Amino acid sequence: MTALDRCDACGAQAYVRVQLESGELLFCAHHARKHAEALEKVATDIHDETARLHEEEGTAAR
């Protein structure tokens, strides 16, 4: 995922891609957590890159 991928709920940078039978949804970390339980029930695949947030925080602090 890149910085151009945006959350379908709020427009923030997306870190989670949820593949559904009907297509895909992109979510920021906040909205992915908020909807995680429901998404796990319907997703065929969930690609989660939220760990990158912690990597970026460590880089910014240097």
C-alpha atoms as a PDB file:
ATOM      1  CA  MET A   1       0.000   0.000   0.000  1.00  0.00           C
ATOM      2  CA  THR A   2       1.157   3.556  -0.644  1.00  0.00           C
ATOM      3  CA  ALA A   3       0.454   7.018   0.730  1.00  0.00           C
ATOM      4  CA  LEU A   4      -1.980   7.462  -2.173  1.00  0.00           C
ATOM      5  CA  ASP A   5      -4.276   4.740  -0.775  1.00  0.00           C
ATOM      6  CA  ARG A   6      -6.993   6.481   1.240  1.00  0.00           C
ATOM      7  CA  CYS A   7      -9.465   5.255   3.851  1.00  0.00           C
ATOM      8  CA  ASP A   8     -12.937   4.761   2.395  1.00  0.00           C
ATOM      9  CA  ALA A   9     -14.461   5.985   5.667  1.00  0.00           C
ATOM     10  CA  CYS A  10     -12.569   9.232   6.278  1.00  0.00           C
ATOM     11  CA  GLY A  11      -9.935   9.852   3.601  1.00  0.00           C
ATOM     12  CA  ALA A  12      -6.897   9.379   5.874  1.00  0.00           C
ATOM     13  CA  GLN A  13      -3.995   7.241   4.688  1.00  0.00           C
ATOM     14  CA  ALA A  14      -5.097   3.611   4.433  1.00  0.00           C
ATOM     15  CA  TYR A  15      -3.112   0.883   6.146  1.00  0.00           C
ATOM     16  CA  VAL A  16      -5.625  -1.972   5.869  1.00  0.00           C
ATOM     17  CA  ARG A  17      -7.013  -3.493   2.657  1.00  0.00           C
ATOM     18  CA  VAL A  18     -10.077  -5.696   3.100  1.00  0.00           C
ATOM     19  CA  GLN A  19     -10.908  -7.985   0.193  1.00  0.00           C
ATOM     20  CA  LEU A  20     -14.572  -8.907  -0.125  1.00  0.00           C
ATOM     21  CA  GLU A  21     -16.271 -11.126  -2.690  1.00  0.00           C
ATOM     22  CA  SER A  22     -17.757  -7.955  -4.199  1.00  0.00           C
ATOM     23  CA  GLY A  23     -14.574  -5.828  -4.205  1.00  0.00           C
ATOM     24  CA  GLU A  24     -12.255  -4.202  -1.714  1.00  0.00           C
ATOM     25  CA  LEU A  25     -12.328  -1.596   1.021  1.00  0.00           C
ATOM     26  CA  LEU A  26      -9.454   0.470   2.370  1.00  0.00           C
ATOM     27  CA  PHE A  27      -9.282   1.666   5.968  1.00  0.00           C
ATOM     28  CA  CYS A  28      -7.051   3.771   8.159  1.00  0.00           C
ATOM     29  CA  ALA A  29      -5.906   2.059  11.371  1.00  0.00           C
ATOM     30  CA  HIS A  30      -8.694   3.715  13.392  1.00  0.00           C
ATOM     31  CA  HIS A  31     -11.562   2.590  11.167  1.00  0.00           C
ATOM     32  CA  ALA A  32     -10.047  -0.874  10.657  1.00  0.00           C
ATOM     33  CA  ARG A  33     -10.042  -1.372  14.445  1.00  0.00           C
ATOM     34  CA  LYS A  34     -13.512   0.121  14.786  1.00  0.00           C
ATOM     35  CA  HIS A  35     -15.009  -2.302  12.233  1.00  0.00           C
ATOM     36  CA  ALA A  36     -12.662  -5.285  12.736  1.00  0.00           C
ATOM     37  CA  GLU A  37     -15.238  -7.681  14.175  1.00  0.00           C
ATOM     38  CA  ALA A  38     -17.721  -7.145  11.347  1.00  0.00           C
ATOM     39  CA  LEU A  39     -15.035  -7.181   8.648  1.00  0.00           C
ATOM     40  CA  GLU A  40     -13.569 -10.489   9.842  1.00  0.00           C
ATOM     41  CA  LYS A  41     -16.974 -12.103   9.280  1.00  0.00           C
ATOM     42  CA  VAL A  42     -17.268 -11.072   5.616  1.00  0.00           C
ATOM     43  CA  ALA A  43     -13.696 -10.606   4.348  1.00  0.00           C
ATOM     44  CA  THR A  44     -12.000 -13.108   2.075  1.00  0.00           C
ATOM     45  CA  ASP A  45      -8.623 -11.525   2.951  1.00  0.00           C
ATOM     46  CA  ILE A  46      -7.365  -8.738   5.217  1.00  0.00           C
ATOM     47  CA  HIS A  47      -4.002  -7.152   4.462  1.00  0.00           C
ATOM     48  CA  ASP A  48      -2.918  -5.160   7.521  1.00  0.00           C
ATOM     49  CA  GLU A  49       0.064  -2.792   7.374  1.00  0.00           C
ATOM     50  CA  THR A  50      -0.684  -0.894  10.607  1.00  0.00           C
ATOM     51  CA  ALA A  51       2.709  -1.985  11.993  1.00  0.00           C
ATOM     52  CA  ARG A  52       4.187   0.585   9.581  1.00  0.00           C
ATOM     53  CA  LEU A  53       2.733   3.307  11.798  1.00  0.00           C
ATOM     54  CA  HIS A  54       5.154   2.366  14.571  1.00  0.00           C
ATOM     55  CA  GLU A  55       8.056   2.174  12.124  1.00  0.00           C
ATOM     56  CA  GLU A  56       7.239   5.674  10.836  1.00  0.00           C
ATOM     57  CA  GLU A  57       6.974   7.060  14.378  1.00  0.00           C
ATOM     58  CA  GLY A  58      10.466   5.698  15.140  1.00  0.00           C
ATOM     59  CA  THR A  59      11.860   7.264  11.978  1.00  0.00           C
ATOM     60  CA  ALA A  60      10.250  10.646  12.703  1.00  0.00           C
ATOM     61  CA  ALA A  61      11.726  10.767  16.200  1.00  0.00           C
ATOM     62  CA  ARG A  62      15.305  10.562  14.923  1.00  0.00           C
END
